[in-house]
């Protein structure tokens, strides 16, 4: 313990500041990394309610993860620059740039990961104009609801359907979706 005290007393004030930042933020960084491997979520990762009126940015630049990453890289870069004999001003500049590059890299990676994620939500309006095969007979003149298999958003879906046609649409017949009724029933036609 005496060796640590001697080492600590021999450091300049700026090196003490960098070491004071490096140790706790490196521990947070390692802990965050370990928790990420085991699927634990930080408050940054918790799902947020998505509201139609919310037009905010899909990712945030300043998050807890980004701040931990910034201060970890900032402090270790500062220590390395000072040990290499660079001036305090140049060290602060280089350390700041390295920290900002880390934040930019992390924000960019999270943005790209979010961009590649599939929504999985079917948008029924995407069915308009699509052709599909009648799965359960659809009675004529909206007399009853049948079912049609149609590709929506890259997936084959079996959805409720009605028709205005004069004749019923039997199982196996091709039909085209013309509009959406009551937000969840397809209006189809054999024409």
C-alpha atoms as a PDB file:
ATOM      1  CA  UNK A   1       0.000   0.000   0.000  1.00  0.00           C
ATOM      2  CA  UNK A   2       2.982   2.270   0.636  1.00  0.00           C
ATOM      3  CA  UNK A   3       4.097   1.791  -2.969  1.00  0.00           C
ATOM      4  CA  UNK A   4       0.695   3.023  -4.165  1.00  0.00           C
ATOM      5  CA  UNK A   5       0.973   6.127  -1.960  1.00  0.00           C
ATOM      6  CA  UNK A   6       4.432   6.881  -3.287  1.00  0.00           C
ATOM      7  CA  UNK A   7       3.274   6.374  -6.889  1.00  0.00           C
ATOM      8  CA  UNK A   8       0.184   8.547  -6.350  1.00  0.00           C
ATOM      9  CA  UNK A   9       2.179  11.380  -4.753  1.00  0.00           C
ATOM     10  CA  UNK A  10       4.596  11.346  -7.685  1.00  0.00           C
ATOM     11  CA  UNK A  11       1.826  12.075 -10.211  1.00  0.00           C
ATOM     12  CA  UNK A  12       1.062  15.548 -11.533  1.00  0.00           C
ATOM     13  CA  UNK A  13      -2.363  17.048 -10.820  1.00  0.00           C
ATOM     14  CA  UNK A  14      -3.589  16.434 -14.390  1.00  0.00           C
ATOM     15  CA  UNK A  15      -2.479  12.784 -14.248  1.00  0.00           C
ATOM     16  CA  UNK A  16      -4.318  12.370 -10.927  1.00  0.00           C
ATOM     17  CA  UNK A  17      -7.454  13.781 -12.580  1.00  0.00           C
ATOM     18  CA  UNK A  18      -7.129  11.409 -15.548  1.00  0.00           C
ATOM     19  CA  UNK A  19      -6.543   8.406 -13.251  1.00  0.00           C
ATOM     20  CA  UNK A  20      -9.487   9.527 -11.082  1.00  0.00           C
ATOM     21  CA  UNK A  21     -11.696   9.432 -14.173  1.00  0.00           C
ATOM     22  CA  UNK A  22     -10.171   6.302 -15.735  1.00  0.00           C
ATOM     23  CA  UNK A  23     -10.611   3.854 -12.864  1.00  0.00           C
ATOM     24  CA  UNK A  24     -14.339   4.260 -12.090  1.00  0.00           C
ATOM     25  CA  UNK A  25     -15.411   4.718 -15.717  1.00  0.00           C
ATOM     26  CA  UNK A  26     -13.412   1.674 -16.817  1.00  0.00           C
ATOM     27  CA  UNK A  27     -15.135  -0.358 -14.099  1.00  0.00           C
ATOM     28  CA  UNK A  28     -18.541   0.932 -15.288  1.00  0.00           C
ATOM     29  CA  UNK A  29     -17.559   0.140 -18.889  1.00  0.00           C
ATOM     30  CA  UNK A  30     -16.533  -3.444 -18.034  1.00  0.00           C
ATOM     31  CA  UNK A  31     -19.662  -3.949 -15.908  1.00  0.00           C
ATOM     32  CA  UNK A  32     -21.830  -2.624 -18.718  1.00  0.00           C
ATOM     33  CA  UNK A  33     -20.091  -4.950 -21.181  1.00  0.00           C
ATOM     34  CA  UNK A  34     -20.592  -7.991 -18.937  1.00  0.00           C
ATOM     35  CA  UNK A  35     -24.255  -7.150 -18.349  1.00  0.00           C
ATOM     36  CA  UNK A  36     -24.775  -6.714 -22.101  1.00  0.00           C
ATOM     37  CA  UNK A  37     -23.427 -10.219 -22.729  1.00  0.00           C
ATOM     38  CA  UNK A  38     -25.944 -11.649 -20.273  1.00  0.00           C
ATOM     39  CA  UNK A  39     -28.852  -9.676 -21.717  1.00  0.00           C
ATOM     40  CA  UNK A  40     -29.301  -7.305 -18.789  1.00  0.00           C
ATOM     41  CA  UNK A  41     -30.731  -3.973 -19.802  1.00  0.00           C
ATOM     42  CA  UNK A  42     -29.785  -0.538 -18.615  1.00  0.00           C
ATOM     43  CA  UNK A  43     -32.384   2.237 -18.380  1.00  0.00           C
ATOM     44  CA  UNK A  44     -31.258   3.389 -21.853  1.00  0.00           C
ATOM     45  CA  UNK A  45     -32.447   0.116 -23.362  1.00  0.00           C
ATOM     46  CA  UNK A  46     -35.915  -0.051 -21.873  1.00  0.00           C
ATOM     47  CA  UNK A  47     -38.653   0.118 -24.490  1.00  0.00           C
ATOM     48  CA  UNK A  48     -40.424   3.408 -24.804  1.00  0.00           C
ATOM     49  CA  UNK A  49     -44.069   3.853 -25.738  1.00  0.00           C
ATOM     50  CA  UNK A  50     -44.337   4.810 -29.371  1.00  0.00           C
ATOM     51  CA  UNK A  51     -46.914   7.514 -29.927  1.00  0.00           C
ATOM     52  CA  UNK A  52     -47.992   8.680 -33.388  1.00  0.00           C
ATOM     53  CA  UNK A  53     -47.505  12.330 -32.397  1.00  0.00           C
ATOM     54  CA  UNK A  54     -43.925  11.647 -31.224  1.00  0.00           C
ATOM     55  CA  UNK A  55     -41.596  12.890 -33.945  1.00  0.00           C
ATOM     56  CA  UNK A  56     -38.381  12.731 -31.908  1.00  0.00           C
ATOM     57  CA  UNK A  57     -35.136  11.264 -33.132  1.00  0.00           C
ATOM     58  CA  UNK A  58     -35.019   7.458 -33.195  1.00  0.00           C
ATOM     59  CA  UNK A  59     -31.752   7.344 -31.250  1.00  0.00           C
ATOM     60  CA  UNK A  60     -30.081   9.682 -28.828  1.00  0.00           C
ATOM     61  CA  UNK A  61     -26.495  10.871 -28.977  1.00  0.00           C
ATOM     62  CA  UNK A  62     -26.133  11.479 -25.228  1.00  0.00           C
ATOM     63  CA  UNK A  63     -26.908   8.301 -23.337  1.00  0.00           C
ATOM     64  CA  UNK A  64     -25.424   6.715 -20.252  1.00  0.00           C
ATOM     65  CA  UNK A  65     -23.536   4.210 -22.408  1.00  0.00           C
ATOM     66  CA  UNK A  66     -22.108   6.955 -24.595  1.00  0.00           C
ATOM     67  CA  UNK A  67     -21.000   9.019 -21.581  1.00  0.00           C
ATOM     68  CA  UNK A  68     -19.292   6.002 -20.019  1.00  0.00           C
ATOM     69  CA  UNK A  69     -17.585   5.293 -23.347  1.00  0.00           C
ATOM     70  CA  UNK A  70     -16.496   8.925 -23.725  1.00  0.00           C
ATOM     71  CA  UNK A  71     -14.942   9.232 -20.271  1.00  0.00           C
ATOM     72  CA  UNK A  72     -13.278   5.803 -20.490  1.00  0.00           C
ATOM     73  CA  UNK A  73     -11.548   6.584 -23.797  1.00  0.00           C
ATOM     74  CA  UNK A  74     -10.930  10.243 -22.836  1.00  0.00           C
ATOM     75  CA  UNK A  75      -9.143   9.308 -19.607  1.00  0.00           C
ATOM     76  CA  UNK A  76      -6.995   6.467 -20.988  1.00  0.00           C
ATOM     77  CA  UNK A  77      -6.010   8.543 -24.025  1.00  0.00           C
ATOM     78  CA  UNK A  78      -5.095  11.421 -21.690  1.00  0.00           C
ATOM     79  CA  UNK A  79      -2.947   9.135 -19.537  1.00  0.00           C
ATOM     80  CA  UNK A  80      -1.196   7.729 -22.624  1.00  0.00           C
ATOM     81  CA  UNK A  81      -0.539  11.204 -24.074  1.00  0.00           C
ATOM     82  CA  UNK A  82       0.856  12.582 -20.806  1.00  0.00           C
ATOM     83  CA  UNK A  83       3.070   9.510 -20.323  1.00  0.00           C
ATOM     84  CA  UNK A  84       4.345  10.047 -23.885  1.00  0.00           C
ATOM     85  CA  UNK A  85       5.433  13.555 -22.903  1.00  0.00           C
ATOM     86  CA  UNK A  86       2.820  15.654 -24.712  1.00  0.00           C
ATOM     87  CA  UNK A  87       1.730  19.009 -23.309  1.00  0.00           C
ATOM     88  CA  UNK A  88      -1.408  19.328 -21.194  1.00  0.00           C
ATOM     89  CA  UNK A  89      -3.234  21.376 -23.850  1.00  0.00           C
ATOM     90  CA  UNK A  90      -2.428  18.914 -26.643  1.00  0.00           C
ATOM     91  CA  UNK A  91      -3.324  16.007 -24.356  1.00  0.00           C
ATOM     92  CA  UNK A  92      -6.745  17.508 -23.566  1.00  0.00           C
ATOM     93  CA  UNK A  93      -7.381  18.112 -27.268  1.00  0.00           C
ATOM     94  CA  UNK A  94      -6.382  14.598 -28.344  1.00  0.00           C
ATOM     95  CA  UNK A  95      -8.266  12.976 -25.434  1.00  0.00           C
ATOM     96  CA  UNK A  96     -11.407  14.985 -26.222  1.00  0.00           C
ATOM     97  CA  UNK A  97     -11.249  14.049 -29.901  1.00  0.00           C
ATOM     98  CA  UNK A  98     -10.746  10.369 -29.011  1.00  0.00           C
ATOM     99  CA  UNK A  99     -13.703  10.480 -26.601  1.00  0.00           C
ATOM    100  CA  UNK A 100     -15.942  12.157 -29.186  1.00  0.00           C
ATOM    101  CA  UNK A 101     -14.906   9.614 -31.815  1.00  0.00           C
ATOM    102  CA  UNK A 102     -15.916   6.855 -29.389  1.00  0.00           C
ATOM    103  CA  UNK A 103     -19.320   8.477 -28.795  1.00  0.00           C
ATOM    104  CA  UNK A 104     -19.808   8.962 -32.540  1.00  0.00           C
ATOM    105  CA  UNK A 105     -18.858   5.356 -33.219  1.00  0.00           C
ATOM    106  CA  UNK A 106     -21.228   4.030 -30.549  1.00  0.00           C
ATOM    107  CA  UNK A 107     -24.104   6.281 -31.683  1.00  0.00           C
ATOM    108  CA  UNK A 108     -23.500   5.268 -35.294  1.00  0.00           C
ATOM    109  CA  UNK A 109     -23.478   1.573 -34.425  1.00  0.00           C
ATOM    110  CA  UNK A 110     -26.713   1.860 -32.424  1.00  0.00           C
ATOM    111  CA  UNK A 111     -28.301   3.819 -35.286  1.00  0.00           C
ATOM    112  CA  UNK A 112     -27.322   1.153 -37.819  1.00  0.00           C
ATOM    113  CA  UNK A 113     -28.566  -1.644 -35.541  1.00  0.00           C
ATOM    114  CA  UNK A 114     -31.922   0.105 -35.118  1.00  0.00           C
ATOM    115  CA  UNK A 115     -32.164   0.684 -38.852  1.00  0.00           C
ATOM    116  CA  UNK A 116     -31.699  -3.025 -39.604  1.00  0.00           C
ATOM    117  CA  UNK A 117     -34.292  -4.158 -37.055  1.00  0.00           C
ATOM    118  CA  UNK A 118     -37.573  -5.408 -38.427  1.00  0.00           C
ATOM    119  CA  UNK A 119     -40.753  -3.845 -37.115  1.00  0.00           C
ATOM    120  CA  UNK A 120     -42.904  -6.955 -37.518  1.00  0.00           C
ATOM    121  CA  UNK A 121     -46.084  -4.885 -37.459  1.00  0.00           C
ATOM    122  CA  UNK A 122     -48.428  -5.596 -40.320  1.00  0.00           C
ATOM    123  CA  UNK A 123     -49.675  -2.469 -42.060  1.00  0.00           C
ATOM    124  CA  UNK A 124     -52.981  -3.609 -43.527  1.00  0.00           C
ATOM    125  CA  UNK A 125     -53.067  -0.728 -46.026  1.00  0.00           C
ATOM    126  CA  UNK A 126     -50.079  -2.350 -47.763  1.00  0.00           C
ATOM    127  CA  UNK A 127     -52.500  -5.082 -48.906  1.00  0.00           C
ATOM    128  CA  UNK A 128     -54.363  -2.714 -51.244  1.00  0.00           C
ATOM    129  CA  UNK A 129     -53.583  -3.664 -54.852  1.00  0.00           C
ATOM    130  CA  UNK A 130     -52.186  -7.079 -53.891  1.00  0.00           C
ATOM    131  CA  UNK A 131     -53.556 -10.298 -55.325  1.00  0.00           C
ATOM    132  CA  UNK A 132     -54.190 -13.359 -53.259  1.00  0.00           C
ATOM    133  CA  UNK A 133     -55.957 -16.698 -53.121  1.00  0.00           C
ATOM    134  CA  UNK A 134     -59.355 -17.123 -51.486  1.00  0.00           C
ATOM    135  CA  UNK A 135     -58.914 -19.369 -48.449  1.00  0.00           C
ATOM    136  CA  UNK A 136     -62.545 -19.570 -47.266  1.00  0.00           C
ATOM    137  CA  UNK A 137     -65.397 -18.784 -49.648  1.00  0.00           C
ATOM    138  CA  UNK A 138     -66.327 -15.113 -49.689  1.00  0.00           C
ATOM    139  CA  UNK A 139     -70.079 -14.621 -50.124  1.00  0.00           C
ATOM    140  CA  UNK A 140     -71.361 -12.209 -52.791  1.00  0.00           C
ATOM    141  CA  UNK A 141     -72.451  -8.596 -52.148  1.00  0.00           C
ATOM    142  CA  UNK A 142     -70.941  -8.391 -48.664  1.00  0.00           C
ATOM    143  CA  UNK A 143     -73.307 -11.084 -47.384  1.00  0.00           C
ATOM    144  CA  UNK A 144     -70.612 -12.597 -45.179  1.00  0.00           C
ATOM    145  CA  UNK A 145     -66.961 -12.645 -44.309  1.00  0.00           C
ATOM    146  CA  UNK A 146     -64.579 -15.119 -45.871  1.00  0.00           C
ATOM    147  CA  UNK A 147     -60.808 -15.307 -45.823  1.00  0.00           C
ATOM    148  CA  UNK A 148     -58.077 -14.588 -48.328  1.00  0.00           C
ATOM    149  CA  UNK A 149     -54.367 -15.358 -48.250  1.00  0.00           C
ATOM    150  CA  UNK A 150     -52.399 -12.353 -49.399  1.00  0.00           C
ATOM    151  CA  UNK A 151     -48.792 -11.253 -49.082  1.00  0.00           C
ATOM    152  CA  UNK A 152     -48.482  -8.165 -46.850  1.00  0.00           C
ATOM    153  CA  UNK A 153     -45.116  -6.743 -45.843  1.00  0.00           C
ATOM    154  CA  UNK A 154     -43.263  -9.772 -47.178  1.00  0.00           C
ATOM    155  CA  UNK A 155     -45.342 -12.291 -45.197  1.00  0.00           C
ATOM    156  CA  UNK A 156     -48.244 -14.436 -46.347  1.00  0.00           C
ATOM    157  CA  UNK A 157     -51.261 -13.542 -44.198  1.00  0.00           C
ATOM    158  CA  UNK A 158     -54.736 -15.034 -43.954  1.00  0.00           C
ATOM    159  CA  UNK A 159     -57.117 -12.120 -43.491  1.00  0.00           C
ATOM    160  CA  UNK A 160     -60.877 -11.521 -43.320  1.00  0.00           C
ATOM    161  CA  UNK A 161     -62.375 -10.435 -46.616  1.00  0.00           C
ATOM    162  CA  UNK A 162     -65.659  -9.370 -48.219  1.00  0.00           C
ATOM    163  CA  UNK A 163     -66.622  -8.712 -51.833  1.00  0.00           C
ATOM    164  CA  UNK A 164     -69.055  -6.526 -53.801  1.00  0.00           C
ATOM    165  CA  UNK A 165     -69.004  -9.023 -56.701  1.00  0.00           C
ATOM    166  CA  UNK A 166     -72.300 -10.490 -57.926  1.00  0.00           C
ATOM    167  CA  UNK A 167     -71.017 -14.067 -57.476  1.00  0.00           C
ATOM    168  CA  UNK A 168     -69.327 -15.610 -54.429  1.00  0.00           C
ATOM    169  CA  UNK A 169     -65.574 -16.119 -54.601  1.00  0.00           C
ATOM    170  CA  UNK A 170     -64.878 -19.836 -54.024  1.00  0.00           C
ATOM    171  CA  UNK A 171     -61.848 -21.311 -52.280  1.00  0.00           C
ATOM    172  CA  UNK A 172     -58.797 -21.261 -54.548  1.00  0.00           C
ATOM    173  CA  UNK A 173     -59.916 -18.363 -56.754  1.00  0.00           C
ATOM    174  CA  UNK A 174     -57.584 -15.422 -57.235  1.00  0.00           C
ATOM    175  CA  UNK A 175     -58.815 -12.027 -56.063  1.00  0.00           C
ATOM    176  CA  UNK A 176     -57.377  -8.526 -55.822  1.00  0.00           C
ATOM    177  CA  UNK A 177     -57.655  -6.322 -52.740  1.00  0.00           C
ATOM    178  CA  UNK A 178     -59.365  -3.025 -53.620  1.00  0.00           C
ATOM    179  CA  UNK A 179     -59.807  -1.323 -50.232  1.00  0.00           C
ATOM    180  CA  UNK A 180     -59.954  -1.778 -46.445  1.00  0.00           C
ATOM    181  CA  UNK A 181     -63.280  -1.849 -44.562  1.00  0.00           C
ATOM    182  CA  UNK A 182     -63.485  -1.005 -40.836  1.00  0.00           C
ATOM    183  CA  UNK A 183     -59.671  -0.932 -40.566  1.00  0.00           C
ATOM    184  CA  UNK A 184     -59.357  -4.747 -40.617  1.00  0.00           C
ATOM    185  CA  UNK A 185     -61.479  -6.359 -43.382  1.00  0.00           C
ATOM    186  CA  UNK A 186     -60.247  -6.488 -46.962  1.00  0.00           C
ATOM    187  CA  UNK A 187     -62.645  -5.678 -49.792  1.00  0.00           C
ATOM    188  CA  UNK A 188     -61.661  -7.918 -52.703  1.00  0.00           C
ATOM    189  CA  UNK A 189     -62.752  -8.419 -56.304  1.00  0.00           C
ATOM    190  CA  UNK A 190     -62.178 -11.180 -58.820  1.00  0.00           C
ATOM    191  CA  UNK A 191     -61.815  -8.603 -61.597  1.00  0.00           C
END
